[in-house]
Structures are given as structure tokens and as C-alpha cells.
Protein backbone atom coordinates (compact mmCIF):
# COMPACT_ATOMS: atom_id res chain seq x y z
CA MET A 1 39.06 -195.23 42.39
CA ASP A 2 39.47 -198.58 41.98
CA PRO A 3 42.29 -199.98 39.98
CA PHE A 4 40.88 -202.68 39.16
CA ASP A 5 37.31 -201.32 38.37
CA ARG A 6 37.80 -202.14 34.87
CA GLN A 7 38.64 -206.30 35.19
CA LYS A 8 35.69 -206.36 38.05
CA ARG A 9 33.60 -205.92 35.16
CA ILE A 10 34.58 -208.80 33.47
CA GLN A 11 31.71 -211.67 33.50
CA GLY A 12 32.70 -214.15 36.57
CA TRP A 13 35.69 -212.24 37.12
CA LYS A 14 36.60 -213.29 41.22
CA GLN A 15 38.75 -210.46 42.44
CA ASP A 16 38.94 -211.42 45.74
CA LEU A 17 40.17 -214.80 44.60
CA ILE A 18 42.96 -212.57 43.22
CA ASP A 19 43.76 -210.85 46.19
CA GLU A 20 43.92 -213.91 48.48
CA ALA A 21 46.08 -215.74 45.40
CA VAL A 22 49.81 -216.42 45.91
CA ALA A 23 51.29 -216.87 42.53
CA VAL A 24 54.90 -218.71 42.34
CA CYS A 25 57.48 -218.01 39.78
CA PHE A 26 59.87 -220.77 39.00
CA GLY A 27 62.38 -217.87 36.81
CA VAL A 28 62.62 -214.46 36.26
CA GLY A 29 63.31 -214.62 32.83
CA GLY A 30 61.68 -213.92 29.03
CA LEU A 31 58.34 -215.40 30.25
CA GLY A 32 58.89 -214.69 33.78
CA SER A 33 59.13 -211.18 33.04
CA VAL A 34 56.01 -210.62 31.59
CA VAL A 35 53.93 -213.24 33.68
CA SER A 36 55.00 -211.15 37.08
CA MET A 37 54.23 -207.99 35.63
CA ASN A 38 50.87 -209.05 34.49
CA LEU A 39 50.43 -210.83 38.23
CA CYS A 40 50.87 -207.19 39.64
CA ARG A 41 48.95 -205.72 36.92
CA MET A 42 45.80 -207.87 37.99
CA GLY A 43 46.28 -207.28 41.54
CA VAL A 44 47.73 -210.93 42.97
CA GLY A 45 48.05 -210.68 46.57
CA ARG A 46 51.62 -211.91 47.23
CA ILE A 47 54.01 -212.92 44.20
CA ILE A 48 57.04 -215.23 45.19
CA LEU A 49 60.27 -214.65 42.59
CA ILE A 50 62.66 -217.87 42.66
CA ASP A 51 65.77 -217.66 40.14
CA LYS A 52 69.15 -218.38 40.58
CA ASP A 53 70.78 -216.38 38.14
CA ILE A 54 71.99 -212.97 37.71
CA VAL A 55 71.07 -210.24 34.45
CA GLU A 56 73.35 -211.18 31.28
CA ILE A 57 73.99 -208.69 28.14
CA HIS A 58 72.19 -211.59 25.92
CA ASN A 59 68.83 -211.51 28.43
CA LEU A 60 68.15 -207.56 27.21
CA ASN A 61 66.19 -208.35 23.63
CA ARG A 62 63.32 -210.16 25.41
CA GLN A 63 63.63 -210.03 29.09
CA LEU A 64 61.56 -207.02 29.83
CA LEU A 65 62.24 -206.22 33.80
CA PHE A 66 65.71 -205.57 32.59
CA SER A 67 68.05 -202.61 31.27
CA MET A 68 72.11 -202.11 31.19
CA LYS A 69 71.94 -200.89 34.04
CA ASP A 70 70.95 -204.46 35.79
CA VAL A 71 73.90 -206.41 33.33
CA GLY A 72 75.52 -208.47 36.92
CA ARG A 73 72.73 -208.25 39.13
CA PRO A 74 70.79 -210.59 40.38
CA LYS A 75 67.73 -211.67 38.11
CA VAL A 76 65.00 -211.65 41.46
CA THR A 77 66.52 -208.42 42.77
CA ALA A 78 66.09 -205.99 39.24
CA ALA A 79 62.86 -207.70 38.70
CA LYS A 80 61.52 -206.78 42.10
CA GLU A 81 62.81 -203.58 41.50
CA ALA A 82 61.47 -202.77 38.79
CA LEU A 83 58.39 -204.45 39.73
CA GLU A 84 57.64 -202.03 42.50
CA LEU A 85 59.14 -198.99 40.32
CA GLY A 86 56.47 -199.69 37.40
CA HIS A 87 53.96 -201.87 37.50
CA ASN A 88 52.90 -202.96 41.06
CA ILE A 89 49.36 -201.74 42.60
CA ARG A 90 49.07 -203.55 45.75
CA SER A 91 50.76 -207.05 45.61
CA GLN A 92 53.48 -208.10 48.25
CA ILE A 93 56.55 -208.82 46.50
CA GLU A 94 59.15 -211.95 47.45
CA GLU A 95 62.69 -212.24 46.05
CA HIS A 96 64.96 -215.09 46.71
CA GLN A 97 68.02 -215.93 44.58
CA ILE A 98 67.94 -219.54 45.20
CA ASP A 99 69.06 -222.34 42.71
CA ILE A 100 65.97 -224.58 43.44
CA VAL A 101 67.36 -227.72 42.06
CA GLU A 102 70.11 -227.34 44.52
CA LYS A 103 67.82 -226.39 47.40
CA TRP A 104 64.87 -227.65 46.53
CA SER A 105 63.61 -227.82 50.49
CA ASP A 106 64.04 -224.74 50.49
CA VAL A 107 62.10 -223.98 48.01
CA ILE A 108 59.52 -226.02 49.99
CA ARG A 109 59.81 -224.13 53.19
CA ILE A 110 59.36 -220.46 50.79
CA ILE A 111 56.17 -221.32 48.94
CA GLN A 112 54.06 -222.75 51.83
CA GLY A 113 50.50 -221.19 51.12
CA ALA A 114 51.07 -221.41 47.42
CA THR A 115 47.61 -221.38 45.34
CA VAL A 116 49.61 -221.43 41.67
CA ILE A 117 53.19 -222.62 40.29
CA PHE A 118 53.98 -221.12 36.96
CA ASN A 119 56.91 -222.68 35.86
CA MET A 120 59.07 -221.26 33.52
CA ILE A 121 62.64 -223.12 34.59
CA ASP A 122 64.38 -224.34 31.17
CA TYR A 123 66.00 -227.54 32.84
CA GLY A 124 64.23 -230.49 31.25
CA ASP A 125 61.34 -232.46 31.06
CA TYR A 126 62.32 -234.22 34.48
CA PHE A 127 62.42 -231.02 36.50
CA ASP A 128 58.91 -229.89 35.11
CA TYR A 129 57.52 -233.50 35.99
CA ALA A 130 58.64 -232.86 39.39
CA ALA A 131 57.35 -229.00 39.26
CA GLN A 132 54.02 -231.21 38.45
CA SER A 133 54.44 -233.48 41.40
CA LEU A 134 54.93 -230.73 43.57
CA ALA A 135 51.53 -229.14 41.95
CA ILE A 136 49.69 -232.27 42.74
CA LYS A 137 50.88 -232.37 45.99
CA LEU A 138 49.85 -229.16 47.13
CA GLY A 139 46.50 -229.19 44.87
CA ILE A 140 46.77 -226.11 43.27
CA PRO A 141 47.40 -225.47 39.36
CA LEU A 142 50.97 -225.65 37.30
CA ILE A 143 51.12 -223.40 34.78
CA GLN A 144 54.15 -223.68 32.75
CA GLY A 145 55.28 -221.93 28.92
CA GLY A 146 58.30 -222.15 26.77
CA THR A 147 59.40 -220.71 23.28
CA PHE A 148 61.49 -222.22 20.63
CA ALA A 149 62.05 -220.43 16.94
CA GLN A 150 58.59 -219.41 16.01
CA SER A 151 56.50 -221.36 17.96
CA MET A 152 55.49 -221.74 21.76
CA CYS A 153 53.54 -223.89 24.21
CA VAL A 154 51.39 -223.27 27.56
CA GLU A 155 50.42 -225.65 29.34
CA TYR A 156 47.61 -226.12 32.28
CA ILE A 157 47.56 -228.93 34.31
CA THR A 158 45.08 -228.52 37.35
CA ALA A 159 45.30 -230.53 40.21
CA ARG A 160 41.23 -231.10 40.48
CA GLY A 161 41.32 -235.30 38.74
CA GLN A 162 42.57 -234.07 35.93
CA PRO A 163 45.62 -235.51 33.46
CA CYS A 164 48.69 -234.68 34.06
CA LEU A 165 52.22 -233.71 32.19
CA LEU A 166 53.32 -237.32 33.34
CA CYS A 167 50.12 -238.81 31.51
CA GLY A 168 51.74 -237.04 28.29
CA SER A 169 54.69 -239.22 28.47
CA ASP A 170 55.45 -242.72 27.34
CA ASN A 171 59.29 -243.10 27.44
CA ALA A 172 60.03 -241.51 31.20
CA ARG A 173 62.65 -243.92 33.10
CA GLU A 174 60.89 -245.08 36.18
CA GLU A 175 63.51 -245.32 38.66
CA ILE A 176 63.42 -241.24 38.52
CA ILE A 177 59.57 -240.72 38.77
CA ASP A 178 59.28 -243.02 41.43
CA GLN A 179 61.61 -240.65 43.18
CA ILE A 180 59.71 -237.56 42.64
CA ARG A 181 56.01 -238.81 43.26
CA PRO A 182 53.65 -236.54 44.89
CA GLU A 183 54.24 -238.88 48.25
CA GLU A 184 57.92 -237.94 48.37
CA ILE A 185 58.37 -234.45 46.45
CA LEU A 186 57.67 -232.65 49.89
CA GLU A 187 60.55 -234.47 51.85
CA LEU A 188 63.70 -234.14 49.06
CA GLU A 189 66.64 -232.13 49.73
CA ASN A 190 67.73 -231.29 46.30
CA LEU A 191 67.04 -232.44 42.32
CA ASN A 192 70.51 -233.02 41.51
CA PHE A 193 69.48 -236.36 40.30
CA LEU A 194 67.29 -235.21 38.01
CA PRO A 195 68.85 -235.33 33.80
CA LYS A 196 69.08 -231.93 32.50
CA ASN A 197 67.79 -231.43 28.69
CA SER A 198 70.82 -230.93 26.46
CA ASN A 199 69.26 -228.23 24.74
CA PRO A 200 70.82 -225.69 21.84
CA ILE A 201 71.06 -222.00 22.75
CA GLY A 202 67.40 -220.82 22.32
CA GLN A 203 66.19 -219.02 19.80
CA SER A 204 63.96 -216.19 20.77
CA ASN A 205 62.90 -212.24 20.87
CA THR A 206 60.84 -209.98 22.72
CA TYR A 207 57.55 -211.00 21.02
CA LEU A 208 57.82 -214.42 21.43
CA CYS A 209 58.21 -214.20 25.16
CA GLY A 210 55.48 -211.49 25.15
CA THR A 211 53.37 -213.66 23.99
CA CYS A 212 53.81 -216.77 25.59
CA GLY A 213 53.88 -214.98 29.22
CA MET A 214 50.48 -213.35 27.89
CA LEU A 215 48.82 -216.72 27.49
CA MET A 216 50.31 -218.40 30.58
CA THR A 217 48.59 -215.46 32.63
CA ALA A 218 45.11 -215.91 30.20
CA LYS A 219 45.19 -219.42 31.30
CA TYR A 220 45.75 -218.50 35.02
CA GLY A 221 42.87 -215.59 34.17
CA GLU A 222 40.48 -218.08 32.45
CA GLY A 223 41.26 -220.78 35.64
CA ILE A 224 39.58 -218.14 38.15
CA ILE A 225 36.92 -216.95 36.07
CA ASN A 226 35.56 -220.95 35.37
CA SER A 227 34.04 -222.87 38.21
CA GLU A 228 36.03 -225.98 39.23
CA ASP A 229 33.96 -228.05 37.23
CA ALA A 230 34.92 -226.48 34.30
CA GLN A 231 38.32 -226.42 34.23
CA ILE A 232 40.46 -228.82 32.64
CA SER A 233 44.15 -229.64 31.72
CA ASN A 234 45.10 -228.07 28.68
CA ARG A 235 47.72 -227.29 26.07
CA THR A 236 48.00 -224.70 23.94
CA LEU A 237 50.62 -224.68 20.55
CA PHE A 238 50.80 -221.87 18.71
CA TYR A 239 53.01 -220.65 15.86
CA VAL A 240 53.81 -217.21 14.98
CA ASN A 241 55.06 -217.65 11.25
CA THR A 242 51.70 -218.82 10.21
CA MET A 243 49.38 -217.41 13.08
CA GLU A 244 47.81 -220.59 13.89
CA SER A 245 46.83 -222.51 17.57
CA VAL A 246 45.75 -225.61 19.01
CA ASN A 247 44.04 -225.80 21.77
CA PHE A 248 43.85 -229.94 22.90
CA GLY A 249 43.21 -231.83 26.18
CA ILE A 250 45.97 -234.00 27.49
CA GLU A 251 45.34 -237.50 27.24
CA PRO A 252 44.86 -239.24 30.49
CA LYS A 253 46.84 -242.35 31.59
CA ILE A 254 45.08 -245.15 33.71
CA GLY A 255 46.83 -245.47 37.07
CA CYS A 256 49.50 -242.59 36.44
CA LYS A 257 52.05 -242.68 38.94
CA PHE A 258 51.62 -238.36 40.07
CA CYS A 259 47.40 -237.83 39.03
CA LYS A 260 46.69 -241.82 39.94
CA TYR A 261 43.48 -240.53 37.30
CA ASP A 262 41.23 -243.38 37.13
CA ALA A 263 38.67 -242.94 34.35
């Protein structure tokens, strides 16, 4: 019996692309736990987990791969162990306990051959721009998400001539953006110069992270099913308290330094 029989029956499903996919997970916390579980269950060929953190007790309410026995262990180690034990069917899973900002050049080396990046690092807007620049340089989609209070945002950015994250920003500092353009992004040793957001302590729980992670994986699945012509950069906002959602395309910026969008 084929463990993927039911999903292969979905109209337009392309299991061969899933089998050959190399998915990079920046972060294996609340969102990364759910995304990596789903990628295993979908049969993604190779899954690269990158996170510098250890499991802390306040993670346990929403980071589904971890339990009390994992407190104090590297997240990537505990995550890989849990995935192999309870979720993996035939994926190759790699763990890398690396500070992505400090060891950017190592990250570039590790993710060679990547076909999609899931950005789940809560560092700040400028790191998100760096991840976007990397995806554009590699010619692969970027999927990222985040939760706050009773809301979440999921973004699917394709590198195929579509608007990018930077298109949606009017106040990004030019002197920083110039350092992380796609022409430069592979040559950087580290990203220490990127400003970090001064966010308050997060408000989150298991169903917020679970829903957001599921939406991120759904965006990936839809990108696989749809033809390249049908893939457009888009953003989804979901409000849990009202069960309302809004989905819209990202407004292009003519002459963007990243995607070079040209109407």
C-alpha cells in the first residue's frame, strides 16, 4: 500500500515534486513544529531544520514536538527525534543548531538545493527581507507566517516575476536594503548589522500556532498543485476571535531593488 494514496487522489496533486522537494525551515518553534510535521506527512524528500534555541518550559503550550523531557535540549535535536518517532514516513531530516543571523554563510552552504524556504524566525522585518532576498536569488518560493494575540498573517511569495515583501514596504532603510540585495545575499558572512524588532513578549497558544502552521503548509500545497502561471504572491490575514479571513495580492513596486518588478 502507498502511504500517500489519498493525497495523490487530490486533483492536480504532484507527488513527484513533493518527493524531490528540499524544504528549509528557519525556526522549529510554534510554527516550525507544525510545518515540519506536515512536510513529513506529505512526503517531502528532504527537510532541513535550522534553529539556535534550546527548549524552554514556556514553549510547551504551543510547540507541539516538545514535551517536559525535552526542556534544555536543542530544539532541532528534539524536533528531529519527535518527527522520526511519530511523523516521518520517508523524508530525510537534517538538524542544524545554528544562529542564522551569526552564521549566515553556514546557512547558505547548508541549504544548497533548496526548493522552498519557510521563514518562522521572530527576529524582525529586516531578517524577513533577507530571507526574501535569498529566496529571490535562489529562484524559489518563500512562505512565512506569524501570530499575535488572536490574529495571524501568512505570506506566500514566489520568485517568478511576482511582487515581493520589499514591494510592500515604504519605510525600509535604503542603507540596509542595499547590503542584502539578491546580488549580495550569498556573499555575506553574517547578518549582525540587521536591526532586531523590539517586540513585546508574544501572546500565543497551541491553536494559534497550529492554525498558522497549517495555513503555511496549505499555501505550499497549493503552490505545488497550481501551474507556475497561476502562482501569485499573496498574503492572508486570519482573525481567530471573529473567524474572518482576508486574502489579497501584494502590491508591486515598480523598480523594486529585490524583485525588479516591471509592469
